[in-house]
Amino acid sequence: MADQTETESLQNISLTAFDAIRFVKDPEKDSTLEDLEVLQEDKVKVTKFASGKYLVDVEFVPTIPHCSLATLIVNKQINDKERVAAALENPNLLKLVESCISEED
């Protein structure tokens, strides 16, 4: 029973993470990451550590399957926190990011 409860808990966290990012819009297209199938529910995995913390792993699927730079692009964007922080100080970029993550009515 404990294993089933743990599995359900991990699935709920996975769905919550997916729901939190599924409506992020591609800034170059008028579509969400889910619409473009860049983000897929089955590509969100959750691992629980002994400390009670969780790792949420999101695998993005490139819109162009043969794109050799997809991994580099995602890793560079995620891992470059200083560049992201500096970019968000630019009001135009901040407005673009906010428009990509705002929910439609």
PDB file of N, CA and C in Angstrom:
ATOM      1  N   MET A   1       0.823  -1.201   0.000  1.00  0.00           N
ATOM      2  CA  MET A   1       0.000   0.000   0.000  1.00  0.00           C
ATOM      3  C   MET A   1       0.866   1.263   0.000  1.00  0.00           C
ATOM      4  N   ALA A   2       1.972   1.224   0.744  1.00  0.00           N
ATOM      5  CA  ALA A   2       2.849   2.398   0.807  1.00  0.00           C
ATOM      6  C   ALA A   2       3.457   2.697  -0.557  1.00  0.00           C
ATOM      7  N   ASP A   3       3.834   1.647  -1.312  1.00  0.00           N
ATOM      8  CA  ASP A   3       4.405   1.851  -2.645  1.00  0.00           C
ATOM      9  C   ASP A   3       3.382   2.476  -3.589  1.00  0.00           C
ATOM     10  N   GLN A   4       2.127   2.045  -3.482  1.00  0.00           N
ATOM     11  CA  GLN A   4       1.075   2.580  -4.330  1.00  0.00           C
ATOM     12  C   GLN A   4       0.832   4.052  -4.002  1.00  0.00           C
ATOM     13  N   THR A   5       0.830   4.377  -2.719  1.00  0.00           N
ATOM     14  CA  THR A   5       0.642   5.765  -2.289  1.00  0.00           C
ATOM     15  C   THR A   5       1.797   6.638  -2.784  1.00  0.00           C
ATOM     16  N   GLU A   6       3.032   6.110  -2.686  1.00  0.00           N
ATOM     17  CA  GLU A   6       4.209   6.851  -3.148  1.00  0.00           C
ATOM     18  C   GLU A   6       4.138   7.074  -4.657  1.00  0.00           C
ATOM     19  N   THR A   7       3.746   6.054  -5.403  1.00  0.00           N
ATOM     20  CA  THR A   7       3.618   6.161  -6.857  1.00  0.00           C
ATOM     21  C   THR A   7       2.568   7.208  -7.222  1.00  0.00           C
ATOM     22  N   GLU A   8       1.436   7.184  -6.538  1.00  0.00           N
ATOM     23  CA  GLU A   8       0.381   8.170  -6.794  1.00  0.00           C
ATOM     24  C   GLU A   8       0.861   9.577  -6.465  1.00  0.00           C
ATOM     25  N   SER A   9       1.626   9.706  -5.394  1.00  0.00           N
ATOM     26  CA  SER A   9       2.159  11.010  -5.006  1.00  0.00           C
ATOM     27  C   SER A   9       3.108  11.548  -6.080  1.00  0.00           C
ATOM     28  N   LEU A  10       3.989  10.689  -6.603  1.00  0.00           N
ATOM     29  CA  LEU A  10       4.914  11.104  -7.655  1.00  0.00           C
ATOM     30  C   LEU A  10       4.160  11.476  -8.927  1.00  0.00           C
ATOM     31  N   GLN A  11       3.106  10.730  -9.244  1.00  0.00           N
ATOM     32  CA  GLN A  11       2.298  11.044 -10.420  1.00  0.00           C
ATOM     33  C   GLN A  11       1.598  12.393 -10.259  1.00  0.00           C
ATOM     34  N   ASN A  12       1.095  12.665  -9.058  1.00  0.00           N
ATOM     35  CA  ASN A  12       0.432  13.952  -8.801  1.00  0.00           C
ATOM     36  C   ASN A  12       1.403  15.122  -8.935  1.00  0.00           C
ATOM     37  N   ILE A  13       2.623  14.939  -8.436  1.00  0.00           N
ATOM     38  CA  ILE A  13       3.637  15.995  -8.551  1.00  0.00           C
ATOM     39  C   ILE A  13       3.994  16.206 -10.022  1.00  0.00           C
ATOM     40  N   SER A  14       4.120  15.104 -10.762  1.00  0.00           N
ATOM     41  CA  SER A  14       4.426  15.184 -12.188  1.00  0.00           C
ATOM     42  C   SER A  14       3.335  15.957 -12.935  1.00  0.00           C
ATOM     43  N   LEU A  15       2.073  15.648 -12.650  1.00  0.00           N
ATOM     44  CA  LEU A  15       0.959  16.348 -13.300  1.00  0.00           C
ATOM     45  C   LEU A  15       0.922  17.822 -12.915  1.00  0.00           C
ATOM     46  N   THR A  16       1.228  18.108 -11.657  1.00  0.00           N
ATOM     47  CA  THR A  16       1.253  19.497 -11.194  1.00  0.00           C
ATOM     48  C   THR A  16       2.338  20.285 -11.928  1.00  0.00           C
ATOM     49  N   ALA A  17       3.523  19.669 -12.077  1.00  0.00           N
ATOM     50  CA  ALA A  17       4.618  20.326 -12.801  1.00  0.00           C
ATOM     51  C   ALA A  17       4.228  20.550 -14.257  1.00  0.00           C
ATOM     52  N   PHE A  18       3.638  19.530 -14.874  1.00  0.00           N
ATOM     53  CA  PHE A  18       3.208  19.644 -16.265  1.00  0.00           C
ATOM     54  C   PHE A  18       2.188  20.765 -16.417  1.00  0.00           C
ATOM     55  N   ASP A  19       1.209  20.809 -15.517  1.00  0.00           N
ATOM     56  CA  ASP A  19       0.182  21.847 -15.572  1.00  0.00           C
ATOM     57  C   ASP A  19       0.765  23.246 -15.376  1.00  0.00           C
ATOM     58  N   ALA A  20       1.845  23.339 -14.599  1.00  0.00           N
ATOM     59  CA  ALA A  20       2.455  24.647 -14.328  1.00  0.00           C
ATOM     60  C   ALA A  20       3.159  25.225 -15.549  1.00  0.00           C
ATOM     61  N   ILE A  21       3.599  24.374 -16.467  1.00  0.00           N
ATOM     62  CA  ILE A  21       4.372  24.876 -17.603  1.00  0.00           C
ATOM     63  C   ILE A  21       3.738  24.602 -18.965  1.00  0.00           C
ATOM     64  N   ARG A  22       2.641  23.904 -18.995  1.00  0.00           N
ATOM     65  CA  ARG A  22       2.047  23.515 -20.280  1.00  0.00           C
ATOM     66  C   ARG A  22       1.549  24.693 -21.121  1.00  0.00           C
ATOM     67  N   PHE A  23       1.200  25.802 -20.480  1.00  0.00           N
ATOM     68  CA  PHE A  23       0.655  26.947 -21.215  1.00  0.00           C
ATOM     69  C   PHE A  23       1.697  28.017 -21.540  1.00  0.00           C
ATOM     70  N   VAL A  24       2.970  27.729 -21.265  1.00  0.00           N
ATOM     71  CA  VAL A  24       4.026  28.668 -21.648  1.00  0.00           C
ATOM     72  C   VAL A  24       4.014  28.763 -23.169  1.00  0.00           C
ATOM     73  N   LYS A  25       4.020  29.994 -23.677  1.00  0.00           N
ATOM     74  CA  LYS A  25       3.932  30.208 -25.123  1.00  0.00           C
ATOM     75  C   LYS A  25       5.312  30.313 -25.753  1.00  0.00           C
ATOM     76  N   ASP A  26       5.414  29.799 -26.946  1.00  0.00           N
ATOM     77  CA  ASP A  26       6.615  29.969 -27.745  1.00  0.00           C
ATOM     78  C   ASP A  26       6.619  31.422 -28.215  1.00  0.00           C
ATOM     79  N   PRO A  27       7.693  32.177 -27.942  1.00  0.00           N
ATOM     80  CA  PRO A  27       7.695  33.597 -28.322  1.00  0.00           C
ATOM     81  C   PRO A  27       7.685  33.824 -29.827  1.00  0.00           C
ATOM     82  N   GLU A  28       8.043  32.810 -30.602  1.00  0.00           N
ATOM     83  CA  GLU A  28       8.082  32.969 -32.052  1.00  0.00           C
ATOM     84  C   GLU A  28       6.808  32.483 -32.730  1.00  0.00           C
ATOM     85  N   LYS A  29       5.960  31.817 -31.980  1.00  0.00           N
ATOM     86  CA  LYS A  29       4.721  31.290 -32.546  1.00  0.00           C
ATOM     87  C   LYS A  29       3.572  31.634 -31.594  1.00  0.00           C
ATOM     88  N   ASP A  30       2.368  31.590 -32.074  1.00  0.00           N
ATOM     89  CA  ASP A  30       1.225  31.868 -31.203  1.00  0.00           C
ATOM     90  C   ASP A  30       0.668  30.546 -30.675  1.00  0.00           C
ATOM     91  N   SER A  31       1.549  29.742 -30.099  1.00  0.00           N
ATOM     92  CA  SER A  31       1.162  28.426 -29.599  1.00  0.00           C
ATOM     93  C   SER A  31       1.874  28.153 -28.282  1.00  0.00           C
ATOM     94  N   THR A  32       1.273  27.291 -27.482  1.00  0.00           N
ATOM     95  CA  THR A  32       1.899  26.891 -26.223  1.00  0.00           C
ATOM     96  C   THR A  32       2.880  25.756 -26.499  1.00  0.00           C
ATOM     97  N   LEU A  33       3.738  25.487 -25.507  1.00  0.00           N
ATOM     98  CA  LEU A  33       4.672  24.375 -25.641  1.00  0.00           C
ATOM     99  C   LEU A  33       3.928  23.052 -25.772  1.00  0.00           C
ATOM    100  N   GLU A  34       2.785  22.948 -25.115  1.00  0.00           N
ATOM    101  CA  GLU A  34       1.981  21.731 -25.242  1.00  0.00           C
ATOM    102  C   GLU A  34       1.402  21.621 -26.650  1.00  0.00           C
ATOM    103  N   ASP A  35       0.871  22.729 -27.193  1.00  0.00           N
ATOM    104  CA  ASP A  35       0.314  22.718 -28.551  1.00  0.00           C
ATOM    105  C   ASP A  35       1.363  22.293 -29.578  1.00  0.00           C
ATOM    106  N   LEU A  36       2.586  22.749 -29.380  1.00  0.00           N
ATOM    107  CA  LEU A  36       3.675  22.435 -30.311  1.00  0.00           C
ATOM    108  C   LEU A  36       4.267  21.041 -30.056  1.00  0.00           C
ATOM    109  N   GLU A  37       3.811  20.407 -28.997  1.00  0.00           N
ATOM    110  CA  GLU A  37       4.302  19.089 -28.559  1.00  0.00           C
ATOM    111  C   GLU A  37       5.772  19.118 -28.162  1.00  0.00           C
ATOM    112  N   VAL A  38       6.260  20.305 -27.794  1.00  0.00           N
ATOM    113  CA  VAL A  38       7.595  20.439 -27.230  1.00  0.00           C
ATOM    114  C   VAL A  38       7.575  19.894 -25.806  1.00  0.00           C
ATOM    115  N   LEU A  39       6.444  20.052 -25.157  1.00  0.00           N
ATOM    116  CA  LEU A  39       6.222  19.552 -23.804  1.00  0.00           C
ATOM    117  C   LEU A  39       5.129  18.496 -23.860  1.00  0.00           C
ATOM    118  N   GLN A  40       5.457  17.316 -23.336  1.00  0.00           N
ATOM    119  CA  GLN A  40       4.505  16.211 -23.335  1.00  0.00           C
ATOM    120  C   GLN A  40       4.408  15.648 -21.923  1.00  0.00           C
ATOM    121  N   GLU A  41       3.193  15.307 -21.524  1.00  0.00           N
ATOM    122  CA  GLU A  41       2.933  14.846 -20.155  1.00  0.00           C
ATOM    123  C   GLU A  41       3.807  13.660 -19.772  1.00  0.00           C
ATOM    124  N   ASP A  42       4.007  12.720 -20.673  1.00  0.00           N
ATOM    125  CA  ASP A  42       4.784  11.524 -20.344  1.00  0.00           C
ATOM    126  C   ASP A  42       6.289  11.784 -20.270  1.00  0.00           C
ATOM    127  N   LYS A  43       6.718  12.987 -20.608  1.00  0.00           N
ATOM    128  CA  LYS A  43       8.143  13.348 -20.555  1.00  0.00           C
ATOM    129  C   LYS A  43       8.505  14.081 -19.258  1.00  0.00           C
ATOM    130  N   VAL A  44       7.551  14.186 -18.335  1.00  0.00           N
ATOM    131  CA  VAL A  44       7.802  14.817 -17.033  1.00  0.00           C
ATOM    132  C   VAL A  44       7.920  13.704 -16.005  1.00  0.00           C
ATOM    133  N   LYS A  45       9.100  13.566 -15.405  1.00  0.00           N
ATOM    134  CA  LYS A  45       9.377  12.495 -14.435  1.00  0.00           C
ATOM    135  C   LYS A  45       9.757  13.109 -13.097  1.00  0.00           C
ATOM    136  N   VAL A  46       9.356  12.439 -12.013  1.00  0.00           N
ATOM    137  CA  VAL A  46       9.653  12.922 -10.666  1.00  0.00           C
ATOM    138  C   VAL A  46      10.382  11.835  -9.892  1.00  0.00           C
ATOM    139  N   THR A  47      11.436  12.230  -9.183  1.00  0.00           N
ATOM    140  CA  THR A  47      12.201  11.325  -8.331  1.00  0.00           C
ATOM    141  C   THR A  47      12.204  11.905  -6.926  1.00  0.00           C
ATOM    142  N   LYS A  48      11.944  11.055  -5.947  1.00  0.00           N
ATOM    143  CA  LYS A  48      11.981  11.503  -4.547  1.00  0.00           C
ATOM    144  C   LYS A  48      13.302  11.071  -3.941  1.00  0.00           C
ATOM    145  N   PHE A  49      13.936  11.988  -3.227  1.00  0.00           N
ATOM    146  CA  PHE A  49      15.180  11.691  -2.538  1.00  0.00           C
ATOM    147  C   PHE A  49      14.889  11.352  -1.086  1.00  0.00           C
ATOM    148  N   ALA A  50      15.831  10.709  -0.432  1.00  0.00           N
ATOM    149  CA  ALA A  50      15.670  10.300   0.964  1.00  0.00           C
ATOM    150  C   ALA A  50      15.416  11.498   1.882  1.00  0.00           C
ATOM    151  N   SER A  51      15.916  12.654   1.496  1.00  0.00           N
ATOM    152  CA  SER A  51      15.750  13.856   2.320  1.00  0.00           C
ATOM    153  C   SER A  51      14.335  14.425   2.247  1.00  0.00           C
ATOM    154  N   GLY A  52      13.476  13.794   1.423  1.00  0.00           N
ATOM    155  CA  GLY A  52      12.111  14.283   1.276  1.00  0.00           C
ATOM    156  C   GLY A  52      11.970  15.332   0.192  1.00  0.00           C
ATOM    157  N   LYS A  53      13.062  15.615  -0.514  1.00  0.00           N
ATOM    158  CA  LYS A  53      13.011  16.568  -1.623  1.00  0.00           C
ATOM    159  C   LYS A  53      12.768  15.803  -2.915  1.00  0.00           C
ATOM    160  N   TYR A  54      12.320  16.542  -3.933  1.00  0.00           N
ATOM    161  CA  TYR A  54      11.979  15.926  -5.214  1.00  0.00           C
ATOM    162  C   TYR A  54      12.775  16.566  -6.339  1.00  0.00           C
ATOM    163  N   LEU A  55      13.066  15.762  -7.345  1.00  0.00           N
ATOM    164  CA  LEU A  55      13.662  16.247  -8.579  1.00  0.00           C
ATOM    165  C   LEU A  55      12.624  16.069  -9.670  1.00  0.00           C
ATOM    166  N   VAL A  56      12.291  17.165 -10.356  1.00  0.00           N
ATOM    167  CA  VAL A  56      11.359  17.100 -11.475  1.00  0.00           C
ATOM    168  C   VAL A  56      12.195  17.241 -12.741  1.00  0.00           C
ATOM    169  N   ASP A  57      12.167  16.215 -13.574  1.00  0.00           N
ATOM    170  CA  ASP A  57      12.933  16.178 -14.810  1.00  0.00           C
ATOM    171  C   ASP A  57      11.965  16.347 -15.977  1.00  0.00           C
ATOM    172  N   VAL A  58      12.169  17.412 -16.753  1.00  0.00           N
ATOM    173  CA  VAL A  58      11.305  17.689 -17.891  1.00  0.00           C
ATOM    174  C   VAL A  58      12.131  17.522 -19.161  1.00  0.00           C
ATOM    175  N   GLU A  59      11.726  16.579 -19.992  1.00  0.00           N
ATOM    176  CA  GLU A  59      12.404  16.367 -21.267  1.00  0.00           C
ATOM    177  C   GLU A  59      11.619  17.095 -22.352  1.00  0.00           C
ATOM    178  N   PHE A  60      12.282  18.039 -23.006  1.00  0.00           N
ATOM    179  CA  PHE A  60      11.646  18.779 -24.078  1.00  0.00           C
ATOM    180  C   PHE A  60      11.879  18.063 -25.404  1.00  0.00           C
ATOM    181  N   VAL A  61      10.894  18.108 -26.266  1.00  0.00           N
ATOM    182  CA  VAL A  61      10.982  17.486 -27.586  1.00  0.00           C
ATOM    183  C   VAL A  61      11.113  18.614 -28.610  1.00  0.00           C
ATOM    184  N   PRO A  62      12.205  18.643 -29.358  1.00  0.00           N
ATOM    185  CA  PRO A  62      12.388  19.730 -30.327  1.00  0.00           C
ATOM    186  C   PRO A  62      11.280  19.734 -31.384  1.00  0.00           C
ATOM    187  N   THR A  63      10.918  20.911 -31.847  1.00  0.00           N
ATOM    188  CA  THR A  63       9.898  20.997 -32.899  1.00  0.00           C
ATOM    189  C   THR A  63      10.435  20.459 -34.220  1.00  0.00           C
ATOM    190  N   ILE A  64      11.749  20.494 -34.369  1.00  0.00           N
ATOM    191  CA  ILE A  64      12.397  19.910 -35.540  1.00  0.00           C
ATOM    192  C   ILE A  64      13.232  18.739 -35.038  1.00  0.00           C
ATOM    193  N   PRO A  65      12.802  17.500 -35.276  1.00  0.00           N
ATOM    194  CA  PRO A  65      13.462  16.320 -34.704  1.00  0.00           C
ATOM    195  C   PRO A  65      14.962  16.229 -34.970  1.00  0.00           C
ATOM    196  N   HIS A  66      15.423  16.708 -36.087  1.00  0.00           N
ATOM    197  CA  HIS A  66      16.839  16.595 -36.426  1.00  0.00           C
ATOM    198  C   HIS A  66      17.674  17.788 -35.948  1.00  0.00           C
ATOM    199  N   CYS A  67      17.102  18.625 -35.114  1.00  0.00           N
ATOM    200  CA  CYS A  67      17.820  19.810 -34.626  1.00  0.00           C
ATOM    201  C   CYS A  67      18.964  19.369 -33.717  1.00  0.00           C
ATOM    202  N   SER A  68      20.180  19.528 -34.178  1.00  0.00           N
ATOM    203  CA  SER A  68      21.343  19.080 -33.414  1.00  0.00           C
ATOM    204  C   SER A  68      21.674  20.020 -32.256  1.00  0.00           C
ATOM    205  N   LEU A  69      21.112  21.204 -32.255  1.00  0.00           N
ATOM    206  CA  LEU A  69      21.413  22.178 -31.203  1.00  0.00           C
ATOM    207  C   LEU A  69      20.376  22.204 -30.091  1.00  0.00           C
ATOM    208  N   ALA A  70      19.349  21.385 -30.167  1.00  0.00           N
ATOM    209  CA  ALA A  70      18.250  21.447 -29.195  1.00  0.00           C
ATOM    210  C   ALA A  70      18.744  21.300 -27.761  1.00  0.00           C
ATOM    211  N   THR A  71      19.562  20.299 -27.503  1.00  0.00           N
ATOM    212  CA  THR A  71      20.053  20.076 -26.143  1.00  0.00           C
ATOM    213  C   THR A  71      20.916  21.231 -25.681  1.00  0.00           C
ATOM    214  N   LEU A  72      21.782  21.702 -26.542  1.00  0.00           N
ATOM    215  CA  LEU A  72      22.648  22.831 -26.208  1.00  0.00           C
ATOM    216  C   LEU A  72      21.828  24.072 -25.883  1.00  0.00           C
ATOM    217  N   ILE A  73      20.817  24.340 -26.689  1.00  0.00           N
ATOM    218  CA  ILE A  73      19.974  25.517 -26.480  1.00  0.00           C
ATOM    219  C   ILE A  73      19.280  25.440 -25.127  1.00  0.00           C
ATOM    220  N   VAL A  74      18.640  24.309 -24.830  1.00  0.00           N
ATOM    221  CA  VAL A  74      17.909  24.164 -23.553  1.00  0.00           C
ATOM    222  C   VAL A  74      18.861  24.252 -22.377  1.00  0.00           C
ATOM    223  N   ASN A  75      19.974  23.518 -22.424  1.00  0.00           N
ATOM    224  CA  ASN A  75      20.922  23.528 -21.306  1.00  0.00           C
ATOM    225  C   ASN A  75      21.514  24.912 -21.090  1.00  0.00           C
ATOM    226  N   LYS A  76      21.851  25.593 -22.150  1.00  0.00           N
ATOM    227  CA  LYS A  76      22.437  26.927 -22.021  1.00  0.00           C
ATOM    228  C   LYS A  76      21.440  27.887 -21.408  1.00  0.00           C
ATOM    229  N   GLN A  77      20.188  27.817 -21.815  1.00  0.00           N
ATOM    230  CA  GLN A  77      19.179  28.720 -21.284  1.00  0.00           C
ATOM    231  C   GLN A  77      18.891  28.432 -19.821  1.00  0.00           C
ATOM    232  N   ILE A  78      18.823  27.167 -19.460  1.00  0.00           N
ATOM    233  CA  ILE A  78      18.480  26.813 -18.077  1.00  0.00           C
ATOM    234  C   ILE A  78      19.638  27.064 -17.131  1.00  0.00           C
ATOM    235  N   ASN A  79      20.861  26.775 -17.566  1.00  0.00           N
ATOM    236  CA  ASN A  79      22.012  26.836 -16.676  1.00  0.00           C
ATOM    237  C   ASN A  79      22.650  28.221 -16.561  1.00  0.00           C
ATOM    238  N   ASP A  80      22.287  29.149 -17.384  1.00  0.00           N
ATOM    239  CA  ASP A  80      22.914  30.459 -17.372  1.00  0.00           C
ATOM    240  C   ASP A  80      22.056  31.451 -16.588  1.00  0.00           C
ATOM    241  N   LYS A  81      22.027  31.286 -15.273  1.00  0.00           N
ATOM    242  CA  LYS A  81      21.155  32.086 -14.407  1.00  0.00           C
ATOM    243  C   LYS A  81      21.496  33.577 -14.446  1.00  0.00           C
ATOM    244  N   GLU A  82      22.779  33.889 -14.525  1.00  0.00           N
ATOM    245  CA  GLU A  82      23.175  35.296 -14.540  1.00  0.00           C
ATOM    246  C   GLU A  82      22.670  35.975 -15.811  1.00  0.00           C
ATOM    247  N   ARG A  83      22.769  35.284 -16.928  1.00  0.00           N
ATOM    248  CA  ARG A  83      22.304  35.854 -18.189  1.00  0.00           C
ATOM    249  C   ARG A  83      20.795  36.053 -18.169  1.00  0.00           C
ATOM    250  N   VAL A  84      20.086  35.098 -17.580  1.00  0.00           N
ATOM    251  CA  VAL A  84      18.631  35.206 -17.473  1.00  0.00           C
ATOM    252  C   VAL A  84      18.271  36.404 -16.592  1.00  0.00           C
ATOM    253  N   ALA A  85      18.938  36.517 -15.454  1.00  0.00           N
ATOM    254  CA  ALA A  85      18.654  37.633 -14.540  1.00  0.00           C
ATOM    255  C   ALA A  85      18.915  38.973 -15.228  1.00  0.00           C
ATOM    256  N   ALA A  86      20.016  39.069 -15.965  1.00  0.00           N
ATOM    257  CA  ALA A  86      20.334  40.310 -16.676  1.00  0.00           C
ATOM    258  C   ALA A  86      19.309  40.587 -17.776  1.00  0.00           C
ATOM    259  N   ALA A  87      18.903  39.548 -18.477  1.00  0.00           N
ATOM    260  CA  ALA A  87      17.925  39.723 -19.565  1.00  0.00           C
ATOM    261  C   ALA A  87      16.594  40.227 -19.019  1.00  0.00           C
ATOM    262  N   LEU A  88      16.208  39.754 -17.842  1.00  0.00           N
ATOM    263  CA  LEU A  88      14.922  40.158 -17.281  1.00  0.00           C
ATOM    264  C   LEU A  88      14.933  41.597 -16.772  1.00  0.00           C
ATOM    265  N   GLU A  89      16.108  42.211 -16.710  1.00  0.00           N
ATOM    266  CA  GLU A  89      16.183  43.633 -16.371  1.00  0.00           C
ATOM    267  C   GLU A  89      15.814  44.495 -17.574  1.00  0.00           C
ATOM    268  N   ASN A  90      15.819  43.905 -18.755  1.00  0.00           N
ATOM    269  CA  ASN A  90      15.431  44.606 -19.974  1.00  0.00           C
ATOM    270  C   ASN A  90      13.902  44.597 -20.047  1.00  0.00           C
ATOM    271  N   PRO A  91      13.255  45.764 -20.010  1.00  0.00           N
ATOM    272  CA  PRO A  91      11.789  45.805 -19.972  1.00  0.00           C
ATOM    273  C   PRO A  91      11.125  45.125 -21.175  1.00  0.00           C
ATOM    274  N   ASN A  92      11.747  45.206 -22.337  1.00  0.00           N
ATOM    275  CA  ASN A  92      11.165  44.565 -23.521  1.00  0.00           C
ATOM    276  C   ASN A  92      11.204  43.042 -23.408  1.00  0.00           C
ATOM    277  N   LEU A  93      12.328  42.512 -22.937  1.00  0.00           N
ATOM    278  CA  LEU A  93      12.425  41.060 -22.762  1.00  0.00           C
ATOM    279  C   LEU A  93      11.507  40.584 -21.640  1.00  0.00           C
ATOM    280  N   LEU A  94      11.423  41.359 -20.576  1.00  0.00           N
ATOM    281  CA  LEU A  94      10.534  40.998 -19.479  1.00  0.00           C
ATOM    282  C   LEU A  94       9.089  40.936 -19.959  1.00  0.00           C
ATOM    283  N   LYS A  95       8.694  41.904 -20.771  1.00  0.00           N
ATOM    284  CA  LYS A  95       7.332  41.909 -21.311  1.00  0.00           C
ATOM    285  C   LYS A  95       7.092  40.676 -22.191  1.00  0.00           C
ATOM    286  N   LEU A  96       8.083  40.305 -22.994  1.00  0.00           N
ATOM    287  CA  LEU A  96       7.970  39.123 -23.844  1.00  0.00           C
ATOM    288  C   LEU A  96       7.820  37.851 -23.000  1.00  0.00           C
ATOM    289  N   VAL A  97       8.634  37.720 -21.964  1.00  0.00           N
ATOM    290  CA  VAL A  97       8.552  36.551 -21.086  1.00  0.00           C
ATOM    291  C   VAL A  97       7.194  36.499 -20.397  1.00  0.00           C
ATOM    292  N   GLU A  98       6.748  37.634 -19.891  1.00  0.00           N
ATOM    293  CA  GLU A  98       5.444  37.668 -19.219  1.00  0.00           C
ATOM    294  C   GLU A  98       4.316  37.290 -20.173  1.00  0.00           C
ATOM    295  N   SER A  99       4.408  37.712 -21.435  1.00  0.00           N
ATOM    296  CA  SER A  99       3.363  37.347 -22.395  1.00  0.00           C
ATOM    297  C   SER A  99       3.389  35.857 -22.707  1.00  0.00           C
ATOM    298  N   CYS A 100       4.561  35.242 -22.605  1.00  0.00           N
ATOM    299  CA  CYS A 100       4.680  33.811 -22.881  1.00  0.00           C
ATOM    300  C   CYS A 100       4.127  32.947 -21.751  1.00  0.00           C
ATOM    301  N   ILE A 101       4.152  33.474 -20.536  1.00  0.00           N
ATOM    302  CA  ILE A 101       3.700  32.658 -19.408  1.00  0.00           C
ATOM    303  C   ILE A 101       2.330  33.073 -18.858  1.00  0.00           C
ATOM    304  N   SER A 102       1.766  34.127 -19.426  1.00  0.00           N
ATOM    305  CA  SER A 102       0.443  34.555 -18.939  1.00  0.00           C
ATOM    306  C   SER A 102      -0.625  33.586 -19.425  1.00  0.00           C
ATOM    307  N   GLU A 103      -1.594  33.346 -18.573  1.00  0.00           N
ATOM    308  CA  GLU A 103      -2.691  32.451 -18.930  1.00  0.00           C
ATOM    309  C   GLU A 103      -3.773  33.237 -19.643  1.00  0.00           C
ATOM    310  N   GLU A 104      -4.345  32.598 -20.658  1.00  0.00           N
ATOM    311  CA  GLU A 104      -5.440  33.232 -21.380  1.00  0.00           C
ATOM    312  C   GLU A 104      -6.727  33.037 -20.594  1.00  0.00           C
ATOM    313  N   ASP A 105      -7.655  33.959 -20.742  1.00  0.00           N
ATOM    314  CA  ASP A 105      -8.938  33.848 -20.040  1.00  0.00           C
ATOM    315  C   ASP A 105      -9.800  32.765 -20.634  1.00  0.00           C
TER     316      ASP A 105
END
